[in-house]
């Protein structure tokens, strides 16, 4: 299957409230996730003017693998809240673990936030995990003028609000990521990760 150990996060970037850690997820788990989404019959296609990709809700089909991803996110979140101590007062819970497959020319083309509607207002932070190295296909932040390159095993955490409008640029080769949100309301108190 895969090695269940995680590497200690190596800080790549701590700037503008964007945290990036490298080598958190091991290669065999990355390959396992890529194979999972490539062979799944439960893929949901999103295809409209501003977003084209394929998604799989990993928590529904493989809760153990979703937990492994969230354990990696938690390791990085522990460092993130050390950088911003006010966040230590909050309990964070995951409100999703989606796998996404984005083929060349596709992506999430419009800049957007993750907490702009009442139904997702509790999305305090966003996280992403990259499972392969990709040419282009960066997560681009509008106001921060940052582009985070997809690198195998990399974890990214950033605020979900309007201050961090972002988009997924079209990759030159297929991009595989997991993404989700860290919410701070009491609805998910039973599944707190921190």
C-alpha atoms as a PDB file:
ATOM      1  CA  UNK A   1       0.000   0.000   0.000  1.00  0.00           C
ATOM      2  CA  UNK A   2       2.033   2.958   1.296  1.00  0.00           C
ATOM      3  CA  UNK A   3       4.301   3.972   4.163  1.00  0.00           C
ATOM      4  CA  UNK A   4       2.114   5.615   6.806  1.00  0.00           C
ATOM      5  CA  UNK A   5       4.969   7.751   8.146  1.00  0.00           C
ATOM      6  CA  UNK A   6       5.092  11.454   7.406  1.00  0.00           C
ATOM      7  CA  UNK A   7       8.212  13.534   7.022  1.00  0.00           C
ATOM      8  CA  UNK A   8       8.768  16.519   9.285  1.00  0.00           C
ATOM      9  CA  UNK A   9       7.626  19.609   7.361  1.00  0.00           C
ATOM     10  CA  UNK A  10      10.386  21.706   5.800  1.00  0.00           C
ATOM     11  CA  UNK A  11       9.342  25.353   5.586  1.00  0.00           C
ATOM     12  CA  UNK A  12       9.690  26.613   2.024  1.00  0.00           C
ATOM     13  CA  UNK A  13       7.734  29.876   2.412  1.00  0.00           C
ATOM     14  CA  UNK A  14       6.221  31.938   5.231  1.00  0.00           C
ATOM     15  CA  UNK A  15       5.120  35.175   3.580  1.00  0.00           C
ATOM     16  CA  UNK A  16       1.880  37.166   3.367  1.00  0.00           C
ATOM     17  CA  UNK A  17       0.058  34.593   5.539  1.00  0.00           C
ATOM     18  CA  UNK A  18       0.869  31.884   2.970  1.00  0.00           C
ATOM     19  CA  UNK A  19       2.636  28.858   4.438  1.00  0.00           C
ATOM     20  CA  UNK A  20       4.369  26.327   2.202  1.00  0.00           C
ATOM     21  CA  UNK A  21       6.106  23.159   3.422  1.00  0.00           C
ATOM     22  CA  UNK A  22       8.039  20.666   1.317  1.00  0.00           C
ATOM     23  CA  UNK A  23       8.635  16.910   1.559  1.00  0.00           C
ATOM     24  CA  UNK A  24       5.764  16.279   3.975  1.00  0.00           C
ATOM     25  CA  UNK A  25       4.078  13.481   2.015  1.00  0.00           C
ATOM     26  CA  UNK A  26       6.177  10.534   0.863  1.00  0.00           C
ATOM     27  CA  UNK A  27       6.452   9.478  -2.778  1.00  0.00           C
ATOM     28  CA  UNK A  28       4.720   6.102  -2.381  1.00  0.00           C
ATOM     29  CA  UNK A  29       1.642   7.797  -0.889  1.00  0.00           C
ATOM     30  CA  UNK A  30       1.662  10.362  -3.712  1.00  0.00           C
ATOM     31  CA  UNK A  31       1.675   7.496  -6.225  1.00  0.00           C
ATOM     32  CA  UNK A  32      -1.121   5.754  -4.296  1.00  0.00           C
ATOM     33  CA  UNK A  33      -3.304   8.893  -4.501  1.00  0.00           C
ATOM     34  CA  UNK A  34      -2.607   9.381  -8.212  1.00  0.00           C
ATOM     35  CA  UNK A  35      -3.585   5.748  -8.856  1.00  0.00           C
ATOM     36  CA  UNK A  36      -6.706   6.182  -6.697  1.00  0.00           C
ATOM     37  CA  UNK A  37      -8.066   9.084  -8.725  1.00  0.00           C
ATOM     38  CA  UNK A  38      -6.961   7.634 -12.070  1.00  0.00           C
ATOM     39  CA  UNK A  39      -8.800   4.342 -11.447  1.00  0.00           C
ATOM     40  CA  UNK A  40     -11.860   5.659  -9.611  1.00  0.00           C
ATOM     41  CA  UNK A  41     -15.303   5.301 -11.143  1.00  0.00           C
ATOM     42  CA  UNK A  42     -16.696   7.932  -8.749  1.00  0.00           C
ATOM     43  CA  UNK A  43     -15.113  11.009 -10.351  1.00  0.00           C
ATOM     44  CA  UNK A  44     -17.185  14.181 -10.589  1.00  0.00           C
ATOM     45  CA  UNK A  45     -16.392  16.320 -13.631  1.00  0.00           C
ATOM     46  CA  UNK A  46     -16.586  20.092 -13.250  1.00  0.00           C
ATOM     47  CA  UNK A  47     -16.695  21.784 -16.631  1.00  0.00           C
ATOM     48  CA  UNK A  48     -17.854  25.351 -17.170  1.00  0.00           C
ATOM     49  CA  UNK A  49     -16.352  28.665 -18.255  1.00  0.00           C
ATOM     50  CA  UNK A  50     -14.166  29.195 -15.210  1.00  0.00           C
ATOM     51  CA  UNK A  51     -13.406  25.747 -13.790  1.00  0.00           C
ATOM     52  CA  UNK A  52     -12.503  22.470 -15.447  1.00  0.00           C
ATOM     53  CA  UNK A  53     -11.224  19.552 -13.398  1.00  0.00           C
ATOM     54  CA  UNK A  54     -12.227  16.217 -11.916  1.00  0.00           C
ATOM     55  CA  UNK A  55     -12.945  15.668  -8.218  1.00  0.00           C
ATOM     56  CA  UNK A  56     -13.272  12.772  -5.808  1.00  0.00           C
ATOM     57  CA  UNK A  57     -14.398  13.110  -2.186  1.00  0.00           C
ATOM     58  CA  UNK A  58     -11.681  10.976  -0.604  1.00  0.00           C
ATOM     59  CA  UNK A  59     -13.299  10.872   2.857  1.00  0.00           C
ATOM     60  CA  UNK A  60     -16.278   9.006   1.376  1.00  0.00           C
ATOM     61  CA  UNK A  61     -14.219   6.344  -0.418  1.00  0.00           C
ATOM     62  CA  UNK A  62     -11.027   5.970   1.612  1.00  0.00           C
ATOM     63  CA  UNK A  63     -11.209   7.563   5.073  1.00  0.00           C
ATOM     64  CA  UNK A  64      -7.802   6.112   6.035  1.00  0.00           C
ATOM     65  CA  UNK A  65      -6.064   7.893   3.142  1.00  0.00           C
ATOM     66  CA  UNK A  66      -7.993  11.102   3.902  1.00  0.00           C
ATOM     67  CA  UNK A  67      -6.807  10.875   7.515  1.00  0.00           C
ATOM     68  CA  UNK A  68      -3.206  10.474   6.332  1.00  0.00           C
ATOM     69  CA  UNK A  69      -3.517  13.681   4.290  1.00  0.00           C
ATOM     70  CA  UNK A  70      -5.119  15.536   7.202  1.00  0.00           C
ATOM     71  CA  UNK A  71      -2.347  14.325   9.526  1.00  0.00           C
ATOM     72  CA  UNK A  72       0.144  15.973   7.158  1.00  0.00           C
ATOM     73  CA  UNK A  73      -1.921  19.151   7.095  1.00  0.00           C
ATOM     74  CA  UNK A  74      -2.082  19.117  10.915  1.00  0.00           C
ATOM     75  CA  UNK A  75       1.731  18.958  11.159  1.00  0.00           C
ATOM     76  CA  UNK A  76       1.952  22.089   9.031  1.00  0.00           C
ATOM     77  CA  UNK A  77      -0.960  23.775  10.798  1.00  0.00           C
ATOM     78  CA  UNK A  78       0.879  23.413  14.111  1.00  0.00           C
ATOM     79  CA  UNK A  79       3.709  25.539  12.690  1.00  0.00           C
ATOM     80  CA  UNK A  80       1.282  27.948  11.024  1.00  0.00           C
ATOM     81  CA  UNK A  81      -0.465  28.785  14.298  1.00  0.00           C
ATOM     82  CA  UNK A  82       2.947  29.317  15.929  1.00  0.00           C
ATOM     83  CA  UNK A  83       3.557  32.027  13.329  1.00  0.00           C
ATOM     84  CA  UNK A  84       0.155  33.604  14.069  1.00  0.00           C
ATOM     85  CA  UNK A  85      -0.517  32.946  17.792  1.00  0.00           C
ATOM     86  CA  UNK A  86      -4.042  34.413  17.742  1.00  0.00           C
ATOM     87  CA  UNK A  87      -5.086  31.271  15.864  1.00  0.00           C
ATOM     88  CA  UNK A  88      -4.159  29.127  18.890  1.00  0.00           C
ATOM     89  CA  UNK A  89      -7.420  30.207  20.501  1.00  0.00           C
ATOM     90  CA  UNK A  90      -9.463  28.396  17.848  1.00  0.00           C
ATOM     91  CA  UNK A  91     -10.312  24.753  17.280  1.00  0.00           C
ATOM     92  CA  UNK A  92      -9.870  23.795  13.649  1.00  0.00           C
ATOM     93  CA  UNK A  93     -11.749  20.999  11.959  1.00  0.00           C
ATOM     94  CA  UNK A  94     -11.601  19.774   8.410  1.00  0.00           C
ATOM     95  CA  UNK A  95     -14.625  20.416   6.259  1.00  0.00           C
ATOM     96  CA  UNK A  96     -13.580  18.284   3.309  1.00  0.00           C
ATOM     97  CA  UNK A  97     -10.821  16.311   1.632  1.00  0.00           C
ATOM     98  CA  UNK A  98     -11.237  16.494  -2.127  1.00  0.00           C
ATOM     99  CA  UNK A  99      -8.873  14.956  -4.640  1.00  0.00           C
ATOM    100  CA  UNK A 100      -8.597  16.947  -7.852  1.00  0.00           C
ATOM    101  CA  UNK A 101      -7.163  15.956 -11.210  1.00  0.00           C
ATOM    102  CA  UNK A 102      -6.516  18.787 -13.650  1.00  0.00           C
ATOM    103  CA  UNK A 103      -5.428  17.978 -17.203  1.00  0.00           C
ATOM    104  CA  UNK A 104      -3.461  20.400 -19.423  1.00  0.00           C
ATOM    105  CA  UNK A 105      -5.329  23.623 -20.345  1.00  0.00           C
ATOM    106  CA  UNK A 106      -7.878  23.036 -17.564  1.00  0.00           C
ATOM    107  CA  UNK A 107      -7.908  24.643 -14.109  1.00  0.00           C
ATOM    108  CA  UNK A 108      -9.839  27.031 -11.897  1.00  0.00           C
ATOM    109  CA  UNK A 109      -9.404  30.094 -14.103  1.00  0.00           C
ATOM    110  CA  UNK A 110     -11.148  32.802 -12.037  1.00  0.00           C
ATOM    111  CA  UNK A 111      -9.709  34.379  -8.920  1.00  0.00           C
ATOM    112  CA  UNK A 112     -11.934  33.412  -5.999  1.00  0.00           C
ATOM    113  CA  UNK A 113     -12.096  33.150  -2.226  1.00  0.00           C
ATOM    114  CA  UNK A 114     -13.293  30.165  -0.216  1.00  0.00           C
ATOM    115  CA  UNK A 115     -15.492  31.932   2.333  1.00  0.00           C
ATOM    116  CA  UNK A 116     -17.555  34.385   0.292  1.00  0.00           C
ATOM    117  CA  UNK A 117     -20.992  32.854   0.889  1.00  0.00           C
ATOM    118  CA  UNK A 118     -22.963  32.128   4.045  1.00  0.00           C
ATOM    119  CA  UNK A 119     -22.754  28.357   3.499  1.00  0.00           C
ATOM    120  CA  UNK A 120     -18.934  28.431   3.593  1.00  0.00           C
ATOM    121  CA  UNK A 121     -18.292  31.463   5.820  1.00  0.00           C
ATOM    122  CA  UNK A 122     -16.569  29.325   8.480  1.00  0.00           C
ATOM    123  CA  UNK A 123     -13.759  28.340   6.097  1.00  0.00           C
ATOM    124  CA  UNK A 124     -11.005  30.167   7.943  1.00  0.00           C
ATOM    125  CA  UNK A 125      -8.043  28.523   6.211  1.00  0.00           C
ATOM    126  CA  UNK A 126      -7.529  26.622   2.975  1.00  0.00           C
ATOM    127  CA  UNK A 127      -5.067  23.797   2.501  1.00  0.00           C
ATOM    128  CA  UNK A 128      -3.711  22.024  -0.558  1.00  0.00           C
ATOM    129  CA  UNK A 129      -1.384  19.056  -0.970  1.00  0.00           C
ATOM    130  CA  UNK A 130       0.408  18.463  -4.281  1.00  0.00           C
ATOM    131  CA  UNK A 131       1.084  14.868  -5.365  1.00  0.00           C
ATOM    132  CA  UNK A 132       3.257  15.438  -8.426  1.00  0.00           C
ATOM    133  CA  UNK A 133       5.655  17.941  -9.969  1.00  0.00           C
ATOM    134  CA  UNK A 134       3.919  20.096 -12.549  1.00  0.00           C
ATOM    135  CA  UNK A 135       5.043  22.608 -15.151  1.00  0.00           C
ATOM    136  CA  UNK A 136       2.999  25.750 -14.723  1.00  0.00           C
ATOM    137  CA  UNK A 137      -0.328  24.938 -13.009  1.00  0.00           C
ATOM    138  CA  UNK A 138       0.595  27.150 -10.069  1.00  0.00           C
ATOM    139  CA  UNK A 139      -1.755  28.317  -7.352  1.00  0.00           C
ATOM    140  CA  UNK A 140      -1.664  32.048  -8.046  1.00  0.00           C
ATOM    141  CA  UNK A 141      -2.519  34.707  -5.457  1.00  0.00           C
ATOM    142  CA  UNK A 142      -3.785  37.987  -6.889  1.00  0.00           C
ATOM    143  CA  UNK A 143      -2.954  40.571  -4.212  1.00  0.00           C
ATOM    144  CA  UNK A 144       0.182  38.841  -2.924  1.00  0.00           C
ATOM    145  CA  UNK A 145       1.585  38.472  -6.449  1.00  0.00           C
ATOM    146  CA  UNK A 146       2.683  34.950  -5.546  1.00  0.00           C
ATOM    147  CA  UNK A 147       2.639  31.759  -7.600  1.00  0.00           C
ATOM    148  CA  UNK A 148       3.093  28.511  -5.695  1.00  0.00           C
ATOM    149  CA  UNK A 149       4.511  25.795  -7.921  1.00  0.00           C
ATOM    150  CA  UNK A 150       3.062  22.286  -7.574  1.00  0.00           C
ATOM    151  CA  UNK A 151       5.818  20.084  -6.112  1.00  0.00           C
ATOM    152  CA  UNK A 152       5.351  16.459  -5.044  1.00  0.00           C
ATOM    153  CA  UNK A 153       4.761  16.212  -1.287  1.00  0.00           C
ATOM    154  CA  UNK A 154       4.220  19.973  -0.786  1.00  0.00           C
ATOM    155  CA  UNK A 155       1.560  21.344   1.604  1.00  0.00           C
ATOM    156  CA  UNK A 156       0.151  24.892   1.365  1.00  0.00           C
ATOM    157  CA  UNK A 157      -2.024  26.693   3.951  1.00  0.00           C
ATOM    158  CA  UNK A 158      -3.494  30.194   3.516  1.00  0.00           C
ATOM    159  CA  UNK A 159      -6.496  32.311   4.585  1.00  0.00           C
ATOM    160  CA  UNK A 160      -9.775  31.531   2.834  1.00  0.00           C
ATOM    161  CA  UNK A 161     -11.061  35.108   2.702  1.00  0.00           C
ATOM    162  CA  UNK A 162     -11.106  37.882   0.105  1.00  0.00           C
ATOM    163  CA  UNK A 163      -7.570  38.932   1.078  1.00  0.00           C
ATOM    164  CA  UNK A 164      -6.200  35.812  -0.602  1.00  0.00           C
ATOM    165  CA  UNK A 165      -8.035  35.614  -3.906  1.00  0.00           C
ATOM    166  CA  UNK A 166      -6.448  32.728  -5.793  1.00  0.00           C
ATOM    167  CA  UNK A 167      -6.819  30.531  -8.837  1.00  0.00           C
ATOM    168  CA  UNK A 168      -5.354  27.345 -10.291  1.00  0.00           C
ATOM    169  CA  UNK A 169      -3.468  28.101 -13.481  1.00  0.00           C
ATOM    170  CA  UNK A 170      -3.609  25.590 -16.352  1.00  0.00           C
ATOM    171  CA  UNK A 171      -0.858  22.957 -16.066  1.00  0.00           C
ATOM    172  CA  UNK A 172       1.303  21.673 -18.917  1.00  0.00           C
ATOM    173  CA  UNK A 173       1.054  18.139 -17.511  1.00  0.00           C
ATOM    174  CA  UNK A 174      -1.712  16.571 -15.427  1.00  0.00           C
ATOM    175  CA  UNK A 175      -1.844  17.953 -11.880  1.00  0.00           C
ATOM    176  CA  UNK A 176      -2.985  15.932  -8.861  1.00  0.00           C
ATOM    177  CA  UNK A 177      -3.847  17.646  -5.580  1.00  0.00           C
ATOM    178  CA  UNK A 178      -5.952  17.259  -2.472  1.00  0.00           C
ATOM    179  CA  UNK A 179      -7.643  20.329  -1.110  1.00  0.00           C
ATOM    180  CA  UNK A 180      -9.954  21.264   1.704  1.00  0.00           C
ATOM    181  CA  UNK A 181     -10.770  23.810   4.337  1.00  0.00           C
ATOM    182  CA  UNK A 182     -10.101  24.322   8.013  1.00  0.00           C
ATOM    183  CA  UNK A 183     -13.225  25.691   9.619  1.00  0.00           C
ATOM    184  CA  UNK A 184     -13.507  27.233  13.064  1.00  0.00           C
ATOM    185  CA  UNK A 185     -17.185  26.908  13.947  1.00  0.00           C
ATOM    186  CA  UNK A 186     -18.482  24.390  16.473  1.00  0.00           C
ATOM    187  CA  UNK A 187     -20.372  22.284  13.919  1.00  0.00           C
ATOM    188  CA  UNK A 188     -17.389  20.008  13.356  1.00  0.00           C
ATOM    189  CA  UNK A 189     -16.157  19.962  16.966  1.00  0.00           C
ATOM    190  CA  UNK A 190     -16.112  16.154  16.929  1.00  0.00           C
ATOM    191  CA  UNK A 191     -13.514  16.022  14.139  1.00  0.00           C
ATOM    192  CA  UNK A 192     -11.089  18.703  15.320  1.00  0.00           C
ATOM    193  CA  UNK A 193      -7.600  18.262  13.945  1.00  0.00           C
ATOM    194  CA  UNK A 194      -6.236  20.897  16.284  1.00  0.00           C
END
